[in-house]
Structures are given as C-alpha cells and as structure tokens.
C-alpha cells in the first residue's frame, strides 16, 4: 500500500538541533535570550528608575552639599578673623558700636516683598553700612549657631534674595549683631528651598532655647523669650528696648505659601549664664552620614538586578517515570 510511512521510516520534516538540544547541564530547555528590543527597553527603564530615585533623594543630597559650603564659609571666616591683627579687630568693632549708637531705626522693609530703597539704589549710606564688620578675604560678617534646630550659617550684609538663599542676611536698618545695650539685630533666611534648609527648622523654635552669634571672635549667647507668627507689615515687635540687647530671627511661613512671618525673639544672656559646652569650632555642624547616597546606589542596583540579571533556568525534569 501507498500513502503511509512504513515502520521505521524517517519523517521528511527536518528538525533543527537547536530546537531540541539539551542545556549545558543536560536535560531541560535553554533560557530564552533577550532580544535587542528587550535590552533597549530595560536600559530605558533603568534610566527612568534612577531619575525617579534621584528626585526622591535630591532634597537631602542638595542640603548635604549646601552644608559643605556653609561649613567652608564658616571655617574660612573664623580663620580670617584669627589672622586679623587684634588692634584692627578692635578698630572694626569700635566702628560698629558707633554705628549702632547713631542708628535711628525707621520703618523696616520686608525683604520678601520689596527691596529697601537704599539697598536698591546702592546709596552712599548703604555702601557705608556694607563696610561695617568687614575683614579681608570673606564676605561674611559673622556666624549664627542654633544647635537644637541644627542651624549653622554664615551671616552677611543685607537681605537680597541672593544673600538669604545662601546664609543668614542682616536686615539693613537694624542694629549690627555685635550686642550691647539698646540694640536689636534682625537676621533672616529663606526656608523650604529644595537645595538648602537654611531657616526651614526655625518654626520649631521654643521658648527657652539658646543660640549664639559669633562676630570677630566674640560669641554672644541668646535665650528665646517669645515666638510669634505675624503678617509681613507687622513689625512692632522689632523695636529696640531701651537698655536691652535683643536679636530676632525670622522667616516666611507656612512653607510654600509664605503669607506670614515666623519670628523668634531672644534676649542676650550674661556671660555667667551662657552655656559652657557650646563653642564655635570653626567648622560649622556635622554633615552626618550621606544616607541619600546609600538609597540612590542601593535602589539603582536593585532595579538593575531585576532588569538585567540572567533568567533563571527551568528546573531539570527527572527522567524517572
């Protein structure tokens, strides 16, 4: 008969060895190889994942880097002060005391709404103010340290956006931050910036907290007596109190809305009451461990393992029946 294969005859259909070849370990099927398209997709997914993780850790990373800059500025200022002749330092301080004695405080300009007219015009009065407390080699005029809130910043003249984005700005028209009777110095800085904390923690201030301001090697300690939230045009609490030494720190609140101002009013402590364990090392505050880097590297590595790890081979089937 015709039309069927005889027993033992081979099929006319060719079978590729690659289709039936056992794996290198014998038995089982070989894992499928990724196509170029799959590889390209995985690369894109890896990049997207790294960008997403980077966005999540960016605030911590940027703040960590900004703190390096703050510490470097503080260290540089301290070194410049140490390198200044004591007689020259005293001359600079005497000029600052004279400036405070002759100061006639007028209406203060909220730096977050508009720029002071003298500052905007770079008037002779403002240029003279910018020469106060200046030592060669640095733009800083002092430092502020608020340990409980982890604030350690260089202080600068004026409250331009450029200044209060990199440190604490001294408000023109208020007493220079050198202490003394019948003075009130006002310092401010941004809060809520993605690249630096600055005064972001200031609304957590509490009555009884202590902080200090260092100018030309002299540390002035203050104790918080009052905290308040006011409208931008409410500046009555910034008035000088006869015979008393006050400092006010303030920033915008709530973060992102900035409709009000959070103010911290502090009075000078006598040297006998100043905390003895708080001293300026010249290097600012500790940077802390960069956990943001661990999260970025670890997260990126985990995603890469999921996307690029070799496919697992199927379990070898037993030949036993």
Protein backbone atom coordinates (compact mmCIF):
# COMPACT_ATOMS: atom_id res chain seq x y z
CA UNK A 1 0.00 0.00 0.00
CA UNK A 2 1.00 3.52 -0.65
CA UNK A 3 0.18 6.74 1.29
CA UNK A 4 1.77 5.85 4.68
CA UNK A 5 5.25 5.58 6.02
CA UNK A 6 6.49 2.14 6.60
CA UNK A 7 7.58 1.16 10.04
CA UNK A 8 10.98 2.56 10.93
CA UNK A 9 10.90 5.15 8.11
CA UNK A 10 12.09 8.63 8.98
CA UNK A 11 9.98 11.76 8.62
CA UNK A 12 10.59 14.14 5.74
CA UNK A 13 10.30 17.16 8.13
CA UNK A 14 13.72 18.39 9.25
CA UNK A 15 14.14 19.15 12.93
CA UNK A 16 16.73 21.70 13.97
CA UNK A 17 19.18 20.51 16.61
CA UNK A 18 18.87 23.88 18.35
CA UNK A 19 15.19 23.18 18.99
CA UNK A 20 15.81 20.00 20.89
CA UNK A 21 19.33 20.41 22.22
CA UNK A 22 19.57 19.96 25.98
CA UNK A 23 21.04 22.62 28.18
CA UNK A 24 24.67 22.58 29.14
CA UNK A 25 23.73 20.79 32.35
CA UNK A 26 21.80 18.16 30.41
CA UNK A 27 18.07 17.99 30.18
CA UNK A 28 15.69 20.91 30.35
CA UNK A 29 15.41 23.81 27.95
CA UNK A 30 17.86 26.65 27.49
CA UNK A 31 16.75 30.02 28.91
CA UNK A 32 15.48 32.38 26.29
CA UNK A 33 17.87 35.09 25.18
CA UNK A 34 16.79 38.72 25.33
CA UNK A 35 16.22 40.44 22.05
CA UNK A 36 17.79 43.78 21.27
CA UNK A 37 14.41 45.40 21.73
CA UNK A 38 14.03 43.94 25.21
CA UNK A 39 17.52 45.07 26.16
CA UNK A 40 16.85 48.60 24.94
CA UNK A 41 13.59 48.71 26.92
CA UNK A 42 15.38 47.58 30.07
CA UNK A 43 18.02 50.30 29.63
CA UNK A 44 15.27 52.92 29.33
CA UNK A 45 13.53 51.55 32.44
CA UNK A 46 16.82 51.64 34.36
CA UNK A 47 17.41 55.29 33.45
CA UNK A 48 13.84 56.22 34.39
CA UNK A 49 14.18 54.43 37.73
CA UNK A 50 17.48 56.20 38.50
CA UNK A 51 15.95 59.58 37.67
CA UNK A 52 12.95 58.85 39.91
CA UNK A 53 15.18 57.75 42.81
CA UNK A 54 17.38 60.79 42.24
CA UNK A 55 14.36 63.09 42.52
CA UNK A 56 13.35 61.45 45.79
CA UNK A 57 16.77 61.87 47.42
CA UNK A 58 17.60 65.24 45.82
CA UNK A 59 16.49 67.45 48.76
CA UNK A 60 18.70 65.54 51.21
CA UNK A 61 21.60 65.38 48.78
CA UNK A 62 21.41 69.08 47.89
CA UNK A 63 21.12 70.08 51.55
CA UNK A 64 24.15 67.90 52.39
CA UNK A 65 26.19 69.60 49.65
CA UNK A 66 24.96 73.06 50.73
CA UNK A 67 26.07 72.34 54.28
CA UNK A 68 29.57 71.63 52.99
CA UNK A 69 29.54 75.15 51.53
CA UNK A 70 28.23 76.67 54.76
CA UNK A 71 30.86 74.91 56.85
CA UNK A 72 33.59 76.00 54.45
CA UNK A 73 32.40 79.62 54.65
CA UNK A 74 32.24 79.48 58.46
CA UNK A 75 35.69 77.91 58.68
CA UNK A 76 37.09 80.49 56.27
CA UNK A 77 35.57 83.35 58.25
CA UNK A 78 36.97 82.07 61.54
CA UNK A 79 40.43 81.68 60.02
CA UNK A 80 40.33 85.19 58.55
CA UNK A 81 39.32 86.62 61.92
CA UNK A 82 42.15 84.77 63.64
CA UNK A 83 44.56 86.15 61.08
CA UNK A 84 43.43 89.75 61.64
CA UNK A 85 45.56 91.87 63.95
CA UNK A 86 43.83 92.33 67.35
CA UNK A 87 44.16 96.09 67.09
CA UNK A 88 42.46 96.04 63.69
CA UNK A 89 39.68 93.85 65.04
CA UNK A 90 39.09 96.31 67.87
CA UNK A 91 39.00 99.21 65.41
CA UNK A 92 36.34 97.40 63.35
CA UNK A 93 34.29 96.68 66.46
CA UNK A 94 34.54 100.27 67.68
CA UNK A 95 33.25 101.49 64.32
CA UNK A 96 30.34 99.04 64.57
CA UNK A 97 29.50 100.19 68.12
CA UNK A 98 29.49 103.79 66.90
CA UNK A 99 27.20 102.79 64.01
CA UNK A 100 24.71 101.23 66.44
CA UNK A 101 24.82 104.26 68.74
CA UNK A 102 23.98 106.61 65.86
CA UNK A 103 21.37 104.34 64.30
CA UNK A 104 17.92 105.87 64.06
CA UNK A 105 15.59 102.98 63.24
CA UNK A 106 12.79 103.82 60.88
CA UNK A 107 10.15 101.76 59.07
CA UNK A 108 11.61 98.38 58.12
CA UNK A 109 11.16 96.86 54.67
CA UNK A 110 10.08 93.23 54.47
CA UNK A 111 12.74 91.68 52.19
CA UNK A 112 10.30 89.05 50.90
CA UNK A 113 8.01 91.72 49.47
CA UNK A 114 10.28 94.53 48.29
CA UNK A 115 13.89 95.72 48.44
CA UNK A 116 14.93 98.53 50.79
CA UNK A 117 15.26 101.77 48.83
CA UNK A 118 18.83 102.44 49.99
CA UNK A 119 19.83 98.91 49.10
CA UNK A 120 18.12 99.04 45.72
CA UNK A 121 19.79 102.35 44.82
CA UNK A 122 23.12 101.37 46.39
CA UNK A 123 23.07 104.71 48.20
CA UNK A 124 26.12 106.09 50.00
CA UNK A 125 24.50 105.18 53.32
CA UNK A 126 24.08 101.57 52.26
CA UNK A 127 27.61 101.36 50.85
CA UNK A 128 28.95 102.67 54.17
CA UNK A 129 26.87 100.05 56.00
CA UNK A 130 28.39 97.29 53.85
CA UNK A 131 31.86 98.26 55.09
CA UNK A 132 30.91 97.59 58.71
CA UNK A 133 32.37 94.41 60.34
CA UNK A 134 34.21 93.52 57.17
CA UNK A 135 37.50 91.62 57.31
CA UNK A 136 39.57 90.85 54.24
CA UNK A 137 39.18 87.53 52.47
CA UNK A 138 35.49 86.87 53.23
CA UNK A 139 32.06 88.38 52.63
CA UNK A 140 30.69 87.01 55.91
CA UNK A 141 30.25 89.34 58.88
CA UNK A 142 29.66 86.60 61.45
CA UNK A 143 28.03 83.25 62.08
CA UNK A 144 24.83 82.04 63.74
CA UNK A 145 24.55 78.68 65.51
CA UNK A 146 21.25 77.26 66.80
CA UNK A 147 22.19 73.72 67.93
CA UNK A 148 18.73 72.33 68.75
CA UNK A 149 17.45 73.22 65.28
CA UNK A 150 20.66 72.08 63.57
CA UNK A 151 21.18 75.58 62.13
CA UNK A 152 24.73 76.76 61.47
CA UNK A 153 25.07 79.53 58.90
CA UNK A 154 27.35 82.37 57.89
CA UNK A 155 25.78 85.82 58.20
CA UNK A 156 26.04 88.54 55.55
CA UNK A 157 25.12 92.17 54.96
CA UNK A 158 21.67 92.83 53.56
CA UNK A 159 18.66 90.72 52.71
CA UNK A 160 18.78 90.43 48.93
CA UNK A 161 17.46 87.16 47.53
CA UNK A 162 20.99 86.11 46.67
CA UNK A 163 22.10 86.61 50.28
CA UNK A 164 19.20 84.91 52.06
CA UNK A 165 19.45 81.97 49.68
CA UNK A 166 22.99 81.14 50.85
CA UNK A 167 23.00 82.15 54.52
CA UNK A 168 21.52 84.49 57.11
CA UNK A 169 21.05 88.07 56.00
CA UNK A 170 21.28 91.01 58.39
CA UNK A 171 18.37 93.39 57.90
CA UNK A 172 19.58 96.86 56.97
CA UNK A 173 18.17 99.44 59.36
CA UNK A 174 18.55 97.25 62.46
CA UNK A 175 21.46 97.07 64.90
CA UNK A 176 24.61 95.28 63.78
CA UNK A 177 24.85 91.85 65.51
CA UNK A 178 27.58 92.78 67.98
CA UNK A 179 25.46 93.03 71.11
CA UNK A 180 25.32 95.92 73.53
CA UNK A 181 22.58 97.86 75.37
CA UNK A 182 19.67 99.34 73.42
CA UNK A 183 20.18 97.13 70.34
CA UNK A 184 18.07 94.72 68.34
CA UNK A 185 19.65 92.90 65.42
CA UNK A 186 17.36 91.16 62.93
CA UNK A 187 18.51 88.20 60.83
CA UNK A 188 16.55 86.27 58.21
CA UNK A 189 16.96 83.49 55.67
CA UNK A 190 14.81 81.51 53.27
CA UNK A 191 13.07 78.31 54.32
CA UNK A 192 11.76 75.41 52.28
CA UNK A 193 14.30 75.71 49.47
CA UNK A 194 14.91 72.38 47.71
CA UNK A 195 18.69 72.84 47.71
CA UNK A 196 19.28 74.08 51.27
CA UNK A 197 17.48 74.01 54.63
CA UNK A 198 18.68 77.43 55.90
CA UNK A 199 15.88 78.54 58.31
CA UNK A 200 13.46 75.71 57.42
CA UNK A 201 13.59 74.40 61.01
CA UNK A 202 13.11 77.84 62.62
CA UNK A 203 9.32 77.40 63.20
CA UNK A 204 10.24 74.59 65.60
CA UNK A 205 11.90 77.10 67.94
CA UNK A 206 10.73 77.04 71.57
CA UNK A 207 10.89 79.49 74.43
CA UNK A 208 13.98 78.68 76.47
CA UNK A 209 16.13 77.59 73.52
CA UNK A 210 19.60 79.10 73.33
CA UNK A 211 21.69 80.04 70.30
CA UNK A 212 24.69 82.21 69.72
CA UNK A 213 26.07 84.68 67.21
CA UNK A 214 29.82 84.98 66.70
CA UNK A 215 31.33 88.18 65.30
CA UNK A 216 35.06 88.92 65.10
CA UNK A 217 35.84 86.14 67.55
CA UNK A 218 33.27 87.21 70.15
CA UNK A 219 30.38 84.85 71.00
CA UNK A 220 27.08 86.39 72.10
CA UNK A 221 24.56 83.91 73.58
CA UNK A 222 20.82 84.50 73.47
CA UNK A 223 17.80 82.81 75.04
CA UNK A 224 14.47 82.64 73.20
CA UNK A 225 11.84 84.62 75.11
CA UNK A 226 8.99 84.72 72.57
CA UNK A 227 7.92 83.21 69.26
CA UNK A 228 5.11 84.62 67.13
CA UNK A 229 3.52 84.48 63.71
CA UNK A 230 2.68 87.86 62.19
CA UNK A 231 1.70 89.46 58.92
CA UNK A 232 4.52 90.91 56.77
CA UNK A 233 3.73 94.50 57.72
CA UNK A 234 3.55 93.87 61.46
CA UNK A 235 6.97 94.98 62.69
CA UNK A 236 6.10 96.49 66.08
CA UNK A 237 7.91 93.67 67.89
CA UNK A 238 11.18 94.61 66.17
CA UNK A 239 11.51 97.86 68.07
CA UNK A 240 14.58 98.46 70.24
CA UNK A 241 14.05 98.19 74.01
CA UNK A 242 15.95 100.79 75.95
CA UNK A 243 18.99 99.35 77.69
CA UNK A 244 18.33 95.79 76.47
CA UNK A 245 20.14 93.54 73.98
CA UNK A 246 17.84 91.56 71.67
CA UNK A 247 18.12 89.52 68.48
CA UNK A 248 15.21 88.50 66.25
CA UNK A 249 15.35 85.65 63.74
CA UNK A 250 12.56 85.28 61.21
CA UNK A 251 11.50 83.51 58.04
CA UNK A 252 8.41 83.01 55.88
CA UNK A 253 5.63 80.65 56.92
CA UNK A 254 3.85 78.41 56.01
CA UNK A 255 6.39 76.93 53.61
CA UNK A 256 5.20 77.29 50.05
CA UNK A 257 2.50 79.82 51.00
CA UNK A 258 4.70 82.47 52.66
CA UNK A 259 1.74 84.59 53.74
CA UNK A 260 3.10 85.23 57.25
CA UNK A 261 6.38 85.66 59.10
CA UNK A 262 7.55 83.45 61.94
CA UNK A 263 9.61 85.47 64.43
CA UNK A 264 11.91 84.28 67.21
CA UNK A 265 12.76 86.98 69.75
CA UNK A 266 15.75 86.30 72.03
CA UNK A 267 17.46 88.29 74.78
CA UNK A 268 21.19 88.36 75.47
CA UNK A 269 22.42 86.10 78.25
CA UNK A 270 25.04 87.31 80.75
CA UNK A 271 28.34 85.55 80.25
CA UNK A 272 27.84 83.80 83.59
CA UNK A 273 24.61 82.19 82.27
CA UNK A 274 25.89 81.32 78.80
CA UNK A 275 26.11 77.55 78.11
CA UNK A 276 29.69 76.50 78.64
CA UNK A 277 29.55 73.48 76.31
CA UNK A 278 28.57 75.47 73.22
CA UNK A 279 31.60 76.78 71.38
CA UNK A 280 32.21 77.53 67.73
CA UNK A 281 34.67 75.02 66.35
CA UNK A 282 35.10 76.91 63.10
CA UNK A 283 33.75 74.05 61.00
CA UNK A 284 30.01 74.52 61.46
CA UNK A 285 27.95 71.42 62.26
CA UNK A 286 28.47 67.77 61.42
CA UNK A 287 27.49 66.77 57.91
CA UNK A 288 26.12 63.45 59.05
CA UNK A 289 26.27 60.23 57.06
CA UNK A 290 25.09 60.62 53.42
CA UNK A 291 22.23 58.12 53.60
CA UNK A 292 20.85 59.69 50.42
CA UNK A 293 23.81 58.18 48.53
CA UNK A 294 23.10 54.74 50.03
CA UNK A 295 19.46 54.92 48.95
CA UNK A 296 20.39 56.07 45.45
CA UNK A 297 23.06 53.42 44.87
CA UNK A 298 21.10 50.67 46.59
CA UNK A 299 17.85 51.47 44.79
CA UNK A 300 19.53 51.74 41.41
CA UNK A 301 21.36 48.46 41.99
CA UNK A 302 18.16 46.66 42.96
CA UNK A 303 16.40 47.85 39.81
CA UNK A 304 19.39 46.81 37.67
CA UNK A 305 19.32 43.32 39.21
CA UNK A 306 15.64 42.90 38.41
CA UNK A 307 16.09 44.12 34.83
CA UNK A 308 19.42 42.62 33.84
CA UNK A 309 20.01 39.53 35.98
CA UNK A 310 20.31 36.33 33.84
CA UNK A 311 16.97 34.47 33.58
CA UNK A 312 16.75 31.51 35.90
CA UNK A 313 16.88 28.10 34.18
CA UNK A 314 13.93 25.82 34.46
CA UNK A 315 14.25 23.01 36.92
CA UNK A 316 15.62 19.80 35.41
CA UNK A 317 12.91 17.26 34.83
CA UNK A 318 13.51 13.83 36.23
CA UNK A 319 13.84 11.04 33.65
CA UNK A 320 12.30 8.63 36.10
CA UNK A 321 8.78 7.58 35.17
